[in-house]
Structures are given as structure tokens and as C-alpha cells.
N, C-alpha and C. Protein backbone atom coordinates (compact mmCIF):
# COMPACT_ATOMS: atom_id res chain seq x y z
N MET A 1 -3.60 67.93 -51.87
CA MET A 1 -3.90 66.71 -51.24
C MET A 1 -5.10 66.73 -50.11
N LEU A 2 -6.02 65.81 -50.27
CA LEU A 2 -7.12 65.77 -49.35
C LEU A 2 -6.75 65.63 -47.96
N ARG A 3 -7.33 66.53 -47.14
CA ARG A 3 -7.03 66.54 -45.74
C ARG A 3 -8.04 65.94 -44.96
N VAL A 4 -7.92 64.87 -44.42
CA VAL A 4 -9.03 64.10 -43.63
C VAL A 4 -8.68 64.14 -42.12
N GLN A 5 -9.75 64.67 -41.40
CA GLN A 5 -9.59 64.89 -39.99
C GLN A 5 -10.03 63.64 -39.22
N LYS A 6 -9.16 63.30 -38.60
CA LYS A 6 -9.35 62.01 -37.64
C LYS A 6 -9.57 62.46 -36.23
N THR A 7 -10.75 61.77 -35.71
CA THR A 7 -11.05 61.99 -34.27
C THR A 7 -10.12 61.16 -33.45
N SER A 8 -9.78 61.82 -32.29
CA SER A 8 -8.87 61.28 -31.40
C SER A 8 -9.20 60.31 -30.49
N TYR A 9 -10.70 60.10 -30.22
CA TYR A 9 -11.36 59.41 -29.25
C TYR A 9 -11.92 58.28 -30.08
N PRO A 10 -12.10 57.09 -29.28
CA PRO A 10 -12.72 55.88 -29.76
C PRO A 10 -14.13 56.03 -29.68
N ASN A 11 -14.96 55.42 -30.55
CA ASN A 11 -16.38 55.46 -30.38
C ASN A 11 -17.04 56.86 -30.62
N VAL A 12 -16.40 57.59 -31.67
CA VAL A 12 -16.89 58.95 -32.27
C VAL A 12 -17.51 58.63 -33.53
N ALA A 13 -18.65 59.06 -33.73
CA ALA A 13 -19.40 58.93 -34.98
C ALA A 13 -19.48 60.29 -35.70
N ASP A 14 -19.19 60.36 -36.89
CA ASP A 14 -19.53 61.70 -37.57
C ASP A 14 -20.78 61.83 -38.15
N LEU A 15 -21.50 62.54 -37.60
CA LEU A 15 -22.94 62.86 -38.05
C LEU A 15 -23.07 63.67 -39.32
N THR A 16 -22.13 64.87 -39.39
CA THR A 16 -21.92 65.44 -40.74
C THR A 16 -20.29 65.58 -40.92
N ASP A 17 -20.01 66.36 -41.86
CA ASP A 17 -18.47 66.54 -42.12
C ASP A 17 -17.84 67.47 -41.03
N ARG A 18 -18.78 67.88 -40.07
CA ARG A 18 -18.40 69.09 -39.08
C ARG A 18 -18.94 68.80 -37.66
N ILE A 19 -19.72 67.76 -37.53
CA ILE A 19 -20.36 67.37 -36.29
C ILE A 19 -20.19 65.99 -35.88
N TYR A 20 -19.59 65.55 -34.63
CA TYR A 20 -19.24 64.36 -34.22
C TYR A 20 -20.11 64.15 -33.02
N VAL A 21 -20.23 62.82 -32.54
CA VAL A 21 -20.93 62.52 -31.44
C VAL A 21 -20.40 61.46 -30.81
N ASN A 22 -20.16 61.23 -29.35
CA ASN A 22 -19.61 60.20 -28.68
C ASN A 22 -20.68 59.27 -28.49
N THR A 23 -20.50 57.96 -29.08
CA THR A 23 -21.68 56.88 -29.10
C THR A 23 -21.07 55.62 -28.82
N GLN A 24 -21.94 54.82 -28.30
CA GLN A 24 -21.61 53.27 -28.17
C GLN A 24 -22.28 52.46 -29.25
N ILE A 25 -22.73 53.12 -30.26
CA ILE A 25 -23.40 52.28 -31.53
C ILE A 25 -22.18 51.76 -32.32
N LEU A 26 -22.25 50.56 -32.79
CA LEU A 26 -21.32 50.03 -33.51
C LEU A 26 -21.08 50.66 -35.08
N PRO A 27 -19.78 50.70 -35.34
CA PRO A 27 -19.61 51.35 -36.63
C PRO A 27 -20.34 50.92 -37.89
N GLU A 28 -20.84 49.68 -37.85
CA GLU A 28 -21.52 49.41 -39.13
C GLU A 28 -22.93 49.87 -39.16
N ASN A 29 -23.54 50.56 -38.07
CA ASN A 29 -24.62 51.39 -37.93
C ASN A 29 -24.38 52.62 -38.17
N TYR A 30 -23.42 53.47 -38.42
CA TYR A 30 -23.02 54.74 -38.40
C TYR A 30 -23.94 55.45 -39.53
N ALA A 31 -24.13 54.66 -40.62
CA ALA A 31 -24.74 55.20 -41.76
C ALA A 31 -26.24 55.36 -41.41
N ALA A 32 -26.86 54.48 -40.65
CA ALA A 32 -28.25 54.73 -40.33
C ALA A 32 -28.35 55.82 -39.38
N LEU A 33 -27.27 56.07 -38.41
CA LEU A 33 -27.34 57.06 -37.47
C LEU A 33 -27.21 58.30 -38.23
N ARG A 34 -26.35 58.54 -39.19
CA ARG A 34 -26.15 59.68 -39.99
C ARG A 34 -27.52 60.06 -40.78
N SER A 35 -28.06 58.95 -41.41
CA SER A 35 -29.33 59.07 -42.11
C SER A 35 -30.50 59.60 -41.26
N GLY A 36 -30.61 59.12 -39.98
CA GLY A 36 -31.45 59.75 -39.03
C GLY A 36 -31.21 61.06 -38.82
N PHE A 37 -29.95 61.53 -38.47
CA PHE A 37 -29.58 62.76 -38.10
C PHE A 37 -29.93 63.93 -39.37
N ALA A 38 -29.79 63.36 -40.61
CA ALA A 38 -30.00 64.12 -41.68
C ALA A 38 -31.39 64.40 -42.06
N GLY A 39 -32.36 63.44 -41.48
CA GLY A 39 -33.71 63.54 -41.66
C GLY A 39 -34.36 62.74 -42.76
N TYR A 40 -33.60 61.67 -43.17
CA TYR A 40 -33.96 60.79 -44.19
C TYR A 40 -35.00 59.85 -43.55
N PRO A 41 -35.75 59.13 -44.44
CA PRO A 41 -36.63 58.19 -43.99
C PRO A 41 -35.90 56.98 -43.62
N SER A 42 -36.40 55.96 -42.74
CA SER A 42 -35.77 54.72 -42.59
C SER A 42 -36.10 53.80 -43.73
N ASN A 43 -35.10 52.86 -43.72
CA ASN A 43 -35.16 51.78 -44.82
C ASN A 43 -35.81 50.57 -44.37
N PRO A 44 -36.91 50.09 -44.89
CA PRO A 44 -37.71 49.05 -44.40
C PRO A 44 -36.61 47.68 -44.45
N ARG A 45 -35.66 47.52 -45.13
CA ARG A 45 -34.88 46.48 -45.19
C ARG A 45 -33.74 46.41 -43.99
N TRP A 46 -33.61 47.49 -43.28
CA TRP A 46 -32.74 47.53 -42.18
C TRP A 46 -32.96 46.57 -41.03
N THR A 47 -31.93 46.24 -40.44
CA THR A 47 -32.12 45.36 -39.30
C THR A 47 -32.61 46.20 -38.02
N VAL A 48 -32.82 45.59 -37.01
CA VAL A 48 -33.45 46.30 -35.92
C VAL A 48 -32.29 47.29 -35.18
N ALA A 49 -31.01 46.82 -35.28
CA ALA A 49 -29.99 47.59 -34.82
C ALA A 49 -29.79 48.83 -35.58
N LYS A 50 -29.93 48.75 -37.05
CA LYS A 50 -29.76 49.98 -37.85
C LYS A 50 -30.93 50.96 -37.71
N TYR A 51 -32.28 50.20 -37.47
CA TYR A 51 -33.42 51.05 -37.39
C TYR A 51 -33.39 51.98 -35.99
N GLN A 52 -32.74 51.17 -34.92
CA GLN A 52 -32.60 51.92 -33.66
C GLN A 52 -31.55 53.02 -33.70
N ALA A 53 -30.59 52.77 -34.52
CA ALA A 53 -29.49 53.78 -34.66
C ALA A 53 -30.06 54.93 -35.34
N TRP A 54 -30.82 54.73 -36.54
CA TRP A 54 -31.59 55.65 -37.09
C TRP A 54 -32.47 56.71 -36.27
N LYS A 55 -33.18 55.89 -35.36
CA LYS A 55 -34.15 56.51 -34.43
C LYS A 55 -33.21 57.42 -33.59
N ILE A 56 -32.01 56.98 -33.00
CA ILE A 56 -31.31 57.81 -32.16
C ILE A 56 -30.84 59.11 -32.92
N GLY A 57 -30.40 58.89 -34.20
CA GLY A 57 -30.11 60.00 -34.94
C GLY A 57 -31.15 60.98 -35.12
N ARG A 58 -32.40 60.58 -35.23
CA ARG A 58 -33.60 61.51 -35.22
C ARG A 58 -33.69 62.08 -34.07
N GLN A 59 -33.60 61.49 -32.93
CA GLN A 59 -33.49 62.02 -31.55
C GLN A 59 -32.65 63.11 -31.29
N LEU A 60 -31.21 62.82 -31.80
CA LEU A 60 -30.24 63.76 -31.71
C LEU A 60 -30.55 65.19 -32.46
N ARG A 61 -31.13 64.89 -33.85
CA ARG A 61 -31.39 66.00 -34.59
C ARG A 61 -32.52 66.77 -33.77
N ASP A 62 -33.61 66.24 -33.25
CA ASP A 62 -34.51 66.95 -32.54
C ASP A 62 -34.10 67.65 -31.50
N ALA A 63 -33.18 67.06 -30.52
CA ALA A 63 -32.71 67.72 -29.45
C ALA A 63 -31.73 68.87 -29.96
N TYR A 64 -30.91 68.77 -30.90
CA TYR A 64 -30.18 69.62 -31.50
C TYR A 64 -30.91 70.90 -31.97
N THR A 65 -32.04 70.70 -32.75
CA THR A 65 -32.86 71.93 -33.28
C THR A 65 -33.69 72.41 -32.18
N LYS A 66 -34.09 71.86 -31.01
CA LYS A 66 -34.72 72.50 -29.96
C LYS A 66 -33.84 73.02 -29.07
N GLY A 67 -32.53 73.14 -29.25
CA GLY A 67 -31.64 73.75 -28.49
C GLY A 67 -31.11 72.99 -27.15
N HIS A 68 -31.67 71.73 -26.91
CA HIS A 68 -31.07 70.82 -25.94
C HIS A 68 -29.70 70.43 -26.14
N MET A 69 -29.15 70.39 -27.22
CA MET A 69 -27.79 69.96 -27.43
C MET A 69 -27.19 71.11 -28.36
N ILE A 70 -26.02 71.17 -28.18
CA ILE A 70 -24.90 72.30 -28.96
C ILE A 70 -23.78 71.44 -29.38
N VAL A 71 -23.19 72.13 -30.51
CA VAL A 71 -21.76 71.69 -31.04
C VAL A 71 -20.78 72.35 -30.39
N ARG A 72 -19.99 71.66 -29.48
CA ARG A 72 -18.75 72.29 -28.73
C ARG A 72 -17.86 72.85 -29.72
N SER A 73 -17.40 74.12 -29.57
CA SER A 73 -16.53 74.60 -30.49
C SER A 73 -15.06 74.23 -30.58
N THR A 74 -14.75 73.56 -29.41
CA THR A 74 -13.42 73.11 -29.34
C THR A 74 -12.97 71.94 -30.15
N ASP A 75 -14.08 71.02 -30.22
CA ASP A 75 -13.93 69.59 -30.69
C ASP A 75 -14.93 69.16 -31.83
N SER A 76 -15.94 70.04 -32.10
CA SER A 76 -17.16 69.99 -32.91
C SER A 76 -17.86 68.71 -32.38
N MET A 77 -17.95 68.40 -31.10
CA MET A 77 -18.62 67.36 -30.59
C MET A 77 -20.17 67.76 -30.23
N LEU A 78 -21.22 67.13 -30.38
CA LEU A 78 -22.63 67.26 -30.22
C LEU A 78 -22.74 66.76 -28.62
N VAL A 79 -23.10 67.90 -27.78
CA VAL A 79 -23.01 67.57 -26.48
C VAL A 79 -24.37 68.38 -25.89
N PRO A 80 -24.72 67.82 -24.81
CA PRO A 80 -26.00 68.49 -24.14
C PRO A 80 -25.65 69.70 -23.70
N ILE A 81 -26.57 70.56 -23.59
CA ILE A 81 -26.31 72.14 -23.29
C ILE A 81 -25.59 72.20 -21.90
N GLN A 82 -25.68 71.42 -20.96
CA GLN A 82 -25.15 71.41 -19.77
C GLN A 82 -23.60 71.44 -19.94
N GLU A 83 -23.09 70.60 -20.88
CA GLU A 83 -21.57 70.53 -21.26
C GLU A 83 -21.03 71.97 -21.64
N GLY A 84 -21.85 72.51 -22.51
CA GLY A 84 -21.24 73.77 -23.07
C GLY A 84 -19.91 73.90 -23.58
N ASP A 85 -19.52 74.94 -23.78
CA ASP A 85 -18.08 75.07 -24.36
C ASP A 85 -17.22 74.81 -23.17
N SER A 86 -16.25 73.71 -23.05
CA SER A 86 -15.32 73.74 -22.09
C SER A 86 -13.95 74.24 -22.42
N LEU A 87 -13.20 74.89 -21.62
CA LEU A 87 -12.17 75.41 -22.01
C LEU A 87 -10.83 74.47 -22.05
N ASP A 88 -11.17 73.33 -21.51
CA ASP A 88 -10.03 72.28 -21.56
C ASP A 88 -9.98 71.56 -22.83
N ASP A 89 -9.03 70.98 -23.32
CA ASP A 89 -8.89 70.22 -24.48
C ASP A 89 -8.81 68.65 -24.45
N LYS A 90 -9.16 68.20 -23.20
CA LYS A 90 -9.22 66.75 -23.00
C LYS A 90 -10.40 66.14 -23.43
N PRO A 91 -10.37 64.83 -23.73
CA PRO A 91 -11.48 64.17 -24.24
C PRO A 91 -12.63 64.18 -23.35
N PRO A 92 -13.98 63.89 -23.70
CA PRO A 92 -15.09 64.02 -22.88
C PRO A 92 -14.79 62.76 -21.72
N SER A 93 -15.39 63.02 -20.54
CA SER A 93 -15.34 62.13 -19.54
C SER A 93 -16.14 60.79 -19.79
N LYS A 94 -16.06 60.03 -19.17
CA LYS A 94 -16.99 58.82 -19.23
C LYS A 94 -18.37 58.85 -18.71
N ASN A 95 -18.48 59.97 -17.94
CA ASN A 95 -19.80 60.22 -17.17
C ASN A 95 -20.60 61.05 -18.07
N ILE A 96 -20.29 61.45 -19.34
CA ILE A 96 -21.19 62.19 -20.19
C ILE A 96 -22.36 61.51 -20.68
N TRP A 97 -23.36 62.18 -21.15
CA TRP A 97 -24.46 61.62 -21.79
C TRP A 97 -24.03 60.85 -23.11
N LYS A 98 -24.23 59.48 -23.05
CA LYS A 98 -23.97 58.59 -24.21
C LYS A 98 -25.31 58.17 -24.91
N ILE A 99 -25.11 57.59 -26.04
CA ILE A 99 -26.19 56.83 -26.59
C ILE A 99 -26.12 55.37 -26.21
N PRO A 100 -27.03 54.65 -25.82
CA PRO A 100 -26.88 53.52 -25.48
C PRO A 100 -26.53 52.43 -26.55
N GLN A 101 -25.73 51.49 -26.18
CA GLN A 101 -25.35 50.38 -27.18
C GLN A 101 -26.27 49.43 -27.39
N ILE A 102 -26.62 49.09 -28.76
CA ILE A 102 -27.68 48.05 -28.92
C ILE A 102 -27.01 46.56 -29.08
N ARG A 103 -27.37 45.69 -28.37
CA ARG A 103 -26.86 44.47 -28.31
C ARG A 103 -28.09 43.40 -28.67
N LEU A 104 -27.82 42.78 -29.74
CA LEU A 104 -28.98 41.77 -30.17
C LEU A 104 -28.27 40.45 -30.53
N ILE A 105 -29.14 39.44 -30.06
CA ILE A 105 -28.77 38.09 -30.37
C ILE A 105 -29.55 37.53 -31.42
N GLY A 106 -29.06 37.33 -32.41
CA GLY A 106 -29.81 36.71 -33.68
C GLY A 106 -29.50 35.39 -33.84
N TYR A 107 -30.62 34.72 -34.35
CA TYR A 107 -30.47 33.18 -34.80
C TYR A 107 -30.73 33.11 -36.28
N GLN A 108 -30.03 32.32 -37.00
CA GLN A 108 -30.19 32.12 -38.27
C GLN A 108 -30.47 30.75 -38.60
N THR A 109 -31.61 30.85 -39.42
CA THR A 109 -32.17 29.47 -39.75
C THR A 109 -31.64 28.75 -41.14
N VAL A 110 -31.32 27.58 -41.11
CA VAL A 110 -30.61 27.16 -42.36
C VAL A 110 -31.66 26.26 -43.19
């Protein structure tokens, strides 16, 4: 049987099958976030919100490769280097570094 790991916190996006990030990005933009983290080019047909999620994914990848962020061994969360490996198993606090949520108001012409 296929074992699927569910994250226990809300607003957690999976960047890869073993790296997660706490984010305020909407779930419909997670694919663009993963695409940016993986290094794929942006899609010209994406909305502004998806493009910004892709751009944040690229920034996360750059911070990870430069050593500004690490993957915490306790829960596989991508966190700033200051967070490091915490010995407690509680979810991340509300005060940690988070990706800003993108709110757009759109108008549709008929």
C-alpha cells in the first residue's frame, strides 16, 4: 500500500517529496511554487498570483543553495538558518519567517 505522509500543520506546501515550507500562498498556486523551487521557467499564461508564487519558489531555492536556509531534520521544513534544528516537536511558531500571501482583486469583462 502506498504510504502518503500528511503534514500536521495548515498552510504547508510540499516543495519536493521530502521538503516542506510554511507559507501563506493559496493551495491553487502550489504547483507554480514547486516549479520555481525546481528551477523550471515560468509559464507566460500564468496569472500574476501564480507568477509571484513561482518567483518566491525561485527565491527559496536561491536561499537554500546559498546556505541561508536549511531543511530541519525533525519535520523536513525549509527554515532560515537561525531556526536550525530545534529539539522540540511542536509546530513552528507564528513569528517565524513566512512567505507573504498574495491577494489580488480581479475584474472580469463580459
